[in-house]
Amino acid sequence: MDFDKELDARGLNCPLPILRVKKALAELSGGQVLKVLATDSGAVKDFQAFCRQTGHELLESSELGGEFLFLIKKKA
């Protein structure tokens, strides 16, 4: 899937990935997609809750070899 910006949050633990995502999304326009790479296993639930609370759309959440990939679409 295409994305507009990539954020590498690997090696960061809660709450840093969420804080970095929040800052990165502020730099995007509505409808743009942020790709996030993380290693914190808690990020899965964190990003699900974050998107529910903020109205952004979690397009994809997957794991491969201990790394997590998230695609988040900024709300319009």
PDB file of N, CA and C in Angstrom:
ATOM      1  N   MET A   1       0.847  -1.193   0.000  1.00  0.00           N
ATOM      2  CA  MET A   1       0.000   0.000   0.000  1.00  0.00           C
ATOM      3  C   MET A   1       0.884   1.245   0.000  1.00  0.00           C
ATOM      4  N   ASP A   2       0.426   2.266  -0.665  1.00  0.00           N
ATOM      5  CA  ASP A   2       1.164   3.518  -0.719  1.00  0.00           C
ATOM      6  C   ASP A   2       1.037   4.267   0.602  1.00  0.00           C
ATOM      7  N   PHE A   3       2.058   5.048   0.925  1.00  0.00           N
ATOM      8  CA  PHE A   3       2.021   5.873   2.121  1.00  0.00           C
ATOM      9  C   PHE A   3       2.706   7.194   1.810  1.00  0.00           C
ATOM     10  N   ASP A   4       2.414   8.203   2.628  1.00  0.00           N
ATOM     11  CA  ASP A   4       2.942   9.543   2.386  1.00  0.00           C
ATOM     12  C   ASP A   4       4.140   9.878   3.258  1.00  0.00           C
ATOM     13  N   LYS A   5       4.241   9.218   4.400  1.00  0.00           N
ATOM     14  CA  LYS A   5       5.344   9.476   5.328  1.00  0.00           C
ATOM     15  C   LYS A   5       5.623   8.202   6.095  1.00  0.00           C
ATOM     16  N   GLU A   6       6.891   7.997   6.461  1.00  0.00           N
ATOM     17  CA  GLU A   6       7.278   6.810   7.231  1.00  0.00           C
ATOM     18  C   GLU A   6       7.891   7.242   8.551  1.00  0.00           C
ATOM     19  N   LEU A   7       7.529   6.533   9.607  1.00  0.00           N
ATOM     20  CA  LEU A   7       8.055   6.806  10.939  1.00  0.00           C
ATOM     21  C   LEU A   7       8.686   5.530  11.480  1.00  0.00           C
ATOM     22  N   ASP A   8       9.936   5.615  11.865  1.00  0.00           N
ATOM     23  CA  ASP A   8      10.641   4.477  12.455  1.00  0.00           C
ATOM     24  C   ASP A   8      10.626   4.621  13.972  1.00  0.00           C
ATOM     25  N   ALA A   9       9.775   3.826  14.624  1.00  0.00           N
ATOM     26  CA  ALA A   9       9.668   3.865  16.078  1.00  0.00           C
ATOM     27  C   ALA A   9      10.247   2.591  16.694  1.00  0.00           C
ATOM     28  N   ARG A  10      11.076   1.889  15.930  1.00  0.00           N
ATOM     29  CA  ARG A  10      11.690   0.663  16.439  1.00  0.00           C
ATOM     30  C   ARG A  10      12.635   0.999  17.590  1.00  0.00           C
ATOM     31  N   GLY A  11      12.602   0.168  18.624  1.00  0.00           N
ATOM     32  CA  GLY A  11      13.459   0.375  19.784  1.00  0.00           C
ATOM     33  C   GLY A  11      12.859   1.306  20.820  1.00  0.00           C
ATOM     34  N   LEU A  12      11.715   1.903  20.520  1.00  0.00           N
ATOM     35  CA  LEU A  12      11.058   2.810  21.470  1.00  0.00           C
ATOM     36  C   LEU A  12       9.964   2.067  22.219  1.00  0.00           C
ATOM     37  N   ASN A  13       9.804   2.392  23.487  1.00  0.00           N
ATOM     38  CA  ASN A  13       8.753   1.779  24.296  1.00  0.00           C
ATOM     39  C   ASN A  13       7.687   2.814  24.627  1.00  0.00           C
ATOM     40  N   CYS A  14       6.519   2.315  24.988  1.00  0.00           N
ATOM     41  CA  CYS A  14       5.376   3.143  25.343  1.00  0.00           C
ATOM     42  C   CYS A  14       5.794   4.180  26.380  1.00  0.00           C
ATOM     43  N   PRO A  15       5.406   5.412  26.236  1.00  0.00           N
ATOM     44  CA  PRO A  15       4.449   5.992  25.276  1.00  0.00           C
ATOM     45  C   PRO A  15       5.108   6.638  24.059  1.00  0.00           C
ATOM     46  N   LEU A  16       6.401   6.481  23.894  1.00  0.00           N
ATOM     47  CA  LEU A  16       7.100   7.189  22.811  1.00  0.00           C
ATOM     48  C   LEU A  16       6.561   6.912  21.405  1.00  0.00           C
ATOM     49  N   PRO A  17       6.242   5.665  21.029  1.00  0.00           N
ATOM     50  CA  PRO A  17       5.700   5.468  19.671  1.00  0.00           C
ATOM     51  C   PRO A  17       4.425   6.279  19.412  1.00  0.00           C
ATOM     52  N   ILE A  18       3.531   6.315  20.390  1.00  0.00           N
ATOM     53  CA  ILE A  18       2.287   7.081  20.237  1.00  0.00           C
ATOM     54  C   ILE A  18       2.584   8.571  20.105  1.00  0.00           C
ATOM     55  N   LEU A  19       3.483   9.062  20.932  1.00  0.00           N
ATOM     56  CA  LEU A  19       3.821  10.488  20.880  1.00  0.00           C
ATOM     57  C   LEU A  19       4.436  10.862  19.537  1.00  0.00           C
ATOM     58  N   ARG A  20       5.286  10.009  19.013  1.00  0.00           N
ATOM     59  CA  ARG A  20       5.920  10.276  17.704  1.00  0.00           C
ATOM     60  C   ARG A  20       4.888  10.219  16.583  1.00  0.00           C
ATOM     61  N   VAL A  21       3.950   9.278  16.686  1.00  0.00           N
ATOM     62  CA  VAL A  21       2.886   9.164  15.675  1.00  0.00           C
ATOM     63  C   VAL A  21       2.005  10.410  15.702  1.00  0.00           C
ATOM     64  N   LYS A  22       1.670  10.848  16.889  1.00  0.00           N
ATOM     65  CA  LYS A  22       0.835  12.038  17.036  1.00  0.00           C
ATOM     66  C   LYS A  22       1.499  13.239  16.352  1.00  0.00           C
ATOM     67  N   LYS A  23       2.802  13.401  16.576  1.00  0.00           N
ATOM     68  CA  LYS A  23       3.549  14.507  15.969  1.00  0.00           C
ATOM     69  C   LYS A  23       3.615  14.350  14.446  1.00  0.00           C
ATOM     70  N   ALA A  24       3.875  13.132  13.975  1.00  0.00           N
ATOM     71  CA  ALA A  24       3.975  12.887  12.529  1.00  0.00           C
ATOM     72  C   ALA A  24       2.638  13.138  11.831  1.00  0.00           C
ATOM     73  N   LEU A  25       1.541  12.722  12.455  1.00  0.00           N
ATOM     74  CA  LEU A  25       0.222  12.929  11.855  1.00  0.00           C
ATOM     75  C   LEU A  25      -0.117  14.414  11.773  1.00  0.00           C
ATOM     76  N   ALA A  26       0.366  15.200  12.723  1.00  0.00           N
ATOM     77  CA  ALA A  26       0.104  16.644  12.710  1.00  0.00           C
ATOM     78  C   ALA A  26       0.738  17.304  11.486  1.00  0.00           C
ATOM     79  N   GLU A  27       1.770  16.678  10.937  1.00  0.00           N
ATOM     80  CA  GLU A  27       2.465  17.225   9.773  1.00  0.00           C
ATOM     81  C   GLU A  27       1.826  16.792   8.446  1.00  0.00           C
ATOM     82  N   LEU A  28       0.859  15.882   8.511  1.00  0.00           N
ATOM     83  CA  LEU A  28       0.191  15.383   7.310  1.00  0.00           C
ATOM     84  C   LEU A  28      -1.144  16.083   7.093  1.00  0.00           C
ATOM     85  N   SER A  29      -1.624  16.031   5.863  1.00  0.00           N
ATOM     86  CA  SER A  29      -2.956  16.539   5.531  1.00  0.00           C
ATOM     87  C   SER A  29      -3.969  15.414   5.698  1.00  0.00           C
ATOM     88  N   GLY A  30      -5.234  15.780   5.841  1.00  0.00           N
ATOM     89  CA  GLY A  30      -6.292  14.788   5.968  1.00  0.00           C
ATOM     90  C   GLY A  30      -6.297  13.827   4.792  1.00  0.00           C
ATOM     91  N   GLY A  31      -6.418  12.536   5.075  1.00  0.00           N
ATOM     92  CA  GLY A  31      -6.457  11.517   4.035  1.00  0.00           C
ATOM     93  C   GLY A  31      -5.095  10.931   3.700  1.00  0.00           C
ATOM     94  N   GLN A  32      -4.011  11.567   4.170  1.00  0.00           N
ATOM     95  CA  GLN A  32      -2.687  11.019   3.910  1.00  0.00           C
ATOM     96  C   GLN A  32      -2.417   9.849   4.852  1.00  0.00           C
ATOM     97  N   VAL A  33      -1.472   8.983   4.456  1.00  0.00           N
ATOM     98  CA  VAL A  33      -1.200   7.747   5.195  1.00  0.00           C
ATOM     99  C   VAL A  33       0.207   7.767   5.787  1.00  0.00           C
ATOM    100  N   LEU A  34       0.284   7.390   7.050  1.00  0.00           N
ATOM    101  CA  LEU A  34       1.548   7.286   7.780  1.00  0.00           C
ATOM    102  C   LEU A  34       1.892   5.815   7.967  1.00  0.00           C
ATOM    103  N   LYS A  35       3.096   5.441   7.576  1.00  0.00           N
ATOM    104  CA  LYS A  35       3.591   4.083   7.803  1.00  0.00           C
ATOM    105  C   LYS A  35       4.457   4.124   9.056  1.00  0.00           C
ATOM    106  N   VAL A  36       4.189   3.205   9.995  1.00  0.00           N
ATOM    107  CA  VAL A  36       4.930   3.172  11.249  1.00  0.00           C
ATOM    108  C   VAL A  36       5.549   1.788  11.430  1.00  0.00           C
ATOM    109  N   LEU A  37       6.830   1.763  11.771  1.00  0.00           N
ATOM    110  CA  LEU A  37       7.525   0.523  12.126  1.00  0.00           C
ATOM    111  C   LEU A  37       7.830   0.591  13.618  1.00  0.00           C
ATOM    112  N   ALA A  38       7.514  -0.475  14.342  1.00  0.00           N
ATOM    113  CA  ALA A  38       7.728  -0.499  15.793  1.00  0.00           C
ATOM    114  C   ALA A  38       8.151  -1.890  16.239  1.00  0.00           C
ATOM    115  N   THR A  39       8.778  -1.951  17.411  1.00  0.00           N
ATOM    116  CA  THR A  39       9.167  -3.236  17.991  1.00  0.00           C
ATOM    117  C   THR A  39       8.473  -3.485  19.325  1.00  0.00           C
ATOM    118  N   ASP A  40       7.804  -2.495  19.865  1.00  0.00           N
ATOM    119  CA  ASP A  40       7.096  -2.630  21.143  1.00  0.00           C
ATOM    120  C   ASP A  40       5.808  -3.419  20.911  1.00  0.00           C
ATOM    121  N   SER A  41       5.709  -4.599  21.516  1.00  0.00           N
ATOM    122  CA  SER A  41       4.519  -5.437  21.307  1.00  0.00           C
ATOM    123  C   SER A  41       3.243  -4.768  21.808  1.00  0.00           C
ATOM    124  N   GLY A  42       3.365  -3.861  22.745  1.00  0.00           N
ATOM    125  CA  GLY A  42       2.201  -3.129  23.246  1.00  0.00           C
ATOM    126  C   GLY A  42       1.664  -2.128  22.240  1.00  0.00           C
ATOM    127  N   ALA A  43       2.437  -1.857  21.204  1.00  0.00           N
ATOM    128  CA  ALA A  43       2.017  -0.874  20.202  1.00  0.00           C
ATOM    129  C   ALA A  43       0.746  -1.301  19.473  1.00  0.00           C
ATOM    130  N   VAL A  44       0.524  -2.594  19.346  1.00  0.00           N
ATOM    131  CA  VAL A  44      -0.675  -3.075  18.639  1.00  0.00           C
ATOM    132  C   VAL A  44      -1.929  -2.534  19.321  1.00  0.00           C
ATOM    133  N   LYS A  45      -2.057  -2.774  20.603  1.00  0.00           N
ATOM    134  CA  LYS A  45      -3.237  -2.290  21.343  1.00  0.00           C
ATOM    135  C   LYS A  45      -3.213  -0.769  21.456  1.00  0.00           C
ATOM    136  N   ASP A  46      -2.016  -0.207  21.631  1.00  0.00           N
ATOM    137  CA  ASP A  46      -1.900   1.251  21.754  1.00  0.00           C
ATOM    138  C   ASP A  46      -2.411   1.963  20.514  1.00  0.00           C
ATOM    139  N   PHE A  47      -2.002   1.499  19.331  1.00  0.00           N
ATOM    140  CA  PHE A  47      -2.421   2.163  18.105  1.00  0.00           C
ATOM    141  C   PHE A  47      -3.899   1.922  17.810  1.00  0.00           C
ATOM    142  N   GLN A  48      -4.415   0.758  18.163  1.00  0.00           N
ATOM    143  CA  GLN A  48      -5.851   0.507  17.996  1.00  0.00           C
ATOM    144  C   GLN A  48      -6.647   1.507  18.834  1.00  0.00           C
ATOM    145  N   ALA A  49      -6.265   1.665  20.097  1.00  0.00           N
ATOM    146  CA  ALA A  49      -6.956   2.591  20.993  1.00  0.00           C
ATOM    147  C   ALA A  49      -6.776   4.040  20.538  1.00  0.00           C
ATOM    148  N   PHE A  50      -5.564   4.378  20.114  1.00  0.00           N
ATOM    149  CA  PHE A  50      -5.271   5.736  19.653  1.00  0.00           C
ATOM    150  C   PHE A  50      -6.170   6.105  18.473  1.00  0.00           C
ATOM    151  N   CYS A  51      -6.293   5.204  17.511  1.00  0.00           N
ATOM    152  CA  CYS A  51      -7.118   5.479  16.333  1.00  0.00           C
ATOM    153  C   CYS A  51      -8.596   5.579  16.691  1.00  0.00           C
ATOM    154  N   ARG A  52      -9.051   4.713  17.581  1.00  0.00           N
ATOM    155  CA  ARG A  52     -10.446   4.782  18.029  1.00  0.00           C
ATOM    156  C   ARG A  52     -10.732   6.130  18.688  1.00  0.00           C
ATOM    157  N   GLN A  53      -9.814   6.588  19.519  1.00  0.00           N
ATOM    158  CA  GLN A  53     -10.033   7.824  20.283  1.00  0.00           C
ATOM    159  C   GLN A  53      -9.878   9.090  19.449  1.00  0.00           C
ATOM    160  N   THR A  54      -9.031   9.045  18.422  1.00  0.00           N
ATOM    161  CA  THR A  54      -8.741  10.257  17.656  1.00  0.00           C
ATOM    162  C   THR A  54      -9.491  10.351  16.333  1.00  0.00           C
ATOM    163  N   GLY A  55     -10.048   9.234  15.861  1.00  0.00           N
ATOM    164  CA  GLY A  55     -10.788   9.246  14.606  1.00  0.00           C
ATOM    165  C   GLY A  55      -9.941   8.935  13.382  1.00  0.00           C
ATOM    166  N   HIS A  56      -8.636   8.699  13.585  1.00  0.00           N
ATOM    167  CA  HIS A  56      -7.787   8.284  12.467  1.00  0.00           C
ATOM    168  C   HIS A  56      -8.113   6.824  12.155  1.00  0.00           C
ATOM    169  N   GLU A  57      -7.793   6.381  10.948  1.00  0.00           N
ATOM    170  CA  GLU A  57      -8.138   5.025  10.534  1.00  0.00           C
ATOM    171  C   GLU A  57      -6.900   4.134  10.491  1.00  0.00           C
ATOM    172  N   LEU A  58      -6.951   3.032  11.234  1.00  0.00           N
ATOM    173  CA  LEU A  58      -5.869   2.053  11.209  1.00  0.00           C
ATOM    174  C   LEU A  58      -6.138   1.135  10.021  1.00  0.00           C
ATOM    175  N   LEU A  59      -5.401   1.360   8.931  1.00  0.00           N
ATOM    176  CA  LEU A  59      -5.623   0.612   7.695  1.00  0.00           C
ATOM    177  C   LEU A  59      -5.016  -0.777   7.744  1.00  0.00           C
ATOM    178  N   GLU A  60      -3.876  -0.888   8.427  1.00  0.00           N
ATOM    179  CA  GLU A  60      -3.183  -2.176   8.486  1.00  0.00           C
ATOM    180  C   GLU A  60      -2.388  -2.275   9.774  1.00  0.00           C
ATOM    181  N   SER A  61      -2.350  -3.486  10.311  1.00  0.00           N
ATOM    182  CA  SER A  61      -1.549  -3.788  11.487  1.00  0.00           C
ATOM    183  C   SER A  61      -1.041  -5.210  11.289  1.00  0.00           C
ATOM    184  N   SER A  62       0.279  -5.349  11.177  1.00  0.00           N
ATOM    185  CA  SER A  62       0.827  -6.684  10.953  1.00  0.00           C
ATOM    186  C   SER A  62       2.155  -6.835  11.672  1.00  0.00           C
ATOM    187  N   GLU A  63       2.566  -8.086  11.837  1.00  0.00           N
ATOM    188  CA  GLU A  63       3.823  -8.387  12.520  1.00  0.00           C
ATOM    189  C   GLU A  63       4.637  -9.346  11.665  1.00  0.00           C
ATOM    190  N   LEU A  64       5.939  -9.104  11.632  1.00  0.00           N
ATOM    191  CA  LEU A  64       6.839  -9.987  10.911  1.00  0.00           C
ATOM    192  C   LEU A  64       8.176 -10.003  11.647  1.00  0.00           C
ATOM    193  N   GLY A  65       8.504 -11.133  12.220  1.00  0.00           N
ATOM    194  CA  GLY A  65       9.792 -11.289  12.875  1.00  0.00           C
ATOM    195  C   GLY A  65      10.042 -10.338  14.026  1.00  0.00           C
ATOM    196  N   GLY A  66       9.033 -10.073  14.826  1.00  0.00           N
ATOM    197  CA  GLY A  66       9.207  -9.203  15.984  1.00  0.00           C
ATOM    198  C   GLY A  66       9.094  -7.721  15.678  1.00  0.00           C
ATOM    199  N   GLU A  67       8.853  -7.384  14.427  1.00  0.00           N
ATOM    200  CA  GLU A  67       8.627  -5.989  14.061  1.00  0.00           C
ATOM    201  C   GLU A  67       7.173  -5.821  13.642  1.00  0.00           C
ATOM    202  N   PHE A  68       6.628  -4.690  13.982  1.00  0.00           N
ATOM    203  CA  PHE A  68       5.227  -4.405  13.699  1.00  0.00           C
ATOM    204  C   PHE A  68       5.134  -3.289  12.667  1.00  0.00           C
ATOM    205  N   LEU A  69       4.182  -3.448  11.765  1.00  0.00           N
ATOM    206  CA  LEU A  69       3.934  -2.457  10.725  1.00  0.00           C
ATOM    207  C   LEU A  69       2.512  -1.948  10.893  1.00  0.00           C
ATOM    208  N   PHE A  70       2.378  -0.638  10.852  1.00  0.00           N
ATOM    209  CA  PHE A  70       1.060  -0.007  10.959  1.00  0.00           C
ATOM    210  C   PHE A  70       0.919   1.010   9.833  1.00  0.00           C
ATOM    211  N   LEU A  71      -0.250   1.050   9.248  1.00  0.00           N
ATOM    212  CA  LEU A  71      -0.589   2.098   8.289  1.00  0.00           C
ATOM    213  C   LEU A  71      -1.776   2.844   8.866  1.00  0.00           C
ATOM    214  N   ILE A  72      -1.588   4.136   9.086  1.00  0.00           N
ATOM    215  CA  ILE A  72      -2.613   4.960   9.720  1.00  0.00           C
ATOM    216  C   ILE A  72      -2.990   6.087   8.765  1.00  0.00           C
ATOM    217  N   LYS A  73      -4.277   6.178   8.468  1.00  0.00           N
ATOM    218  CA  LYS A  73      -4.786   7.234   7.589  1.00  0.00           C
ATOM    219  C   LYS A  73      -5.309   8.371   8.453  1.00  0.00           C
ATOM    220  N   LYS A  74      -4.777   9.562   8.209  1.00  0.00           N
ATOM    221  CA  LYS A  74      -5.201  10.726   8.987  1.00  0.00           C
ATOM    222  C   LYS A  74      -6.640  11.090   8.645  1.00  0.00           C
ATOM    223  N   LYS A  75      -7.394  11.408   9.688  1.00  0.00           N
ATOM    224  CA  LYS A  75      -8.797  11.783   9.443  1.00  0.00           C
ATOM    225  C   LYS A  75      -8.839  13.077   8.643  1.00  0.00           C
ATOM    226  N   ALA A  76      -9.896  13.183   7.864  1.00  0.00           N
ATOM    227  CA  ALA A  76     -10.042  14.351   6.975  1.00  0.00           C
ATOM    228  C   ALA A  76     -10.346  15.619   7.759  1.00  0.00           C
TER     229      ALA A  76
END
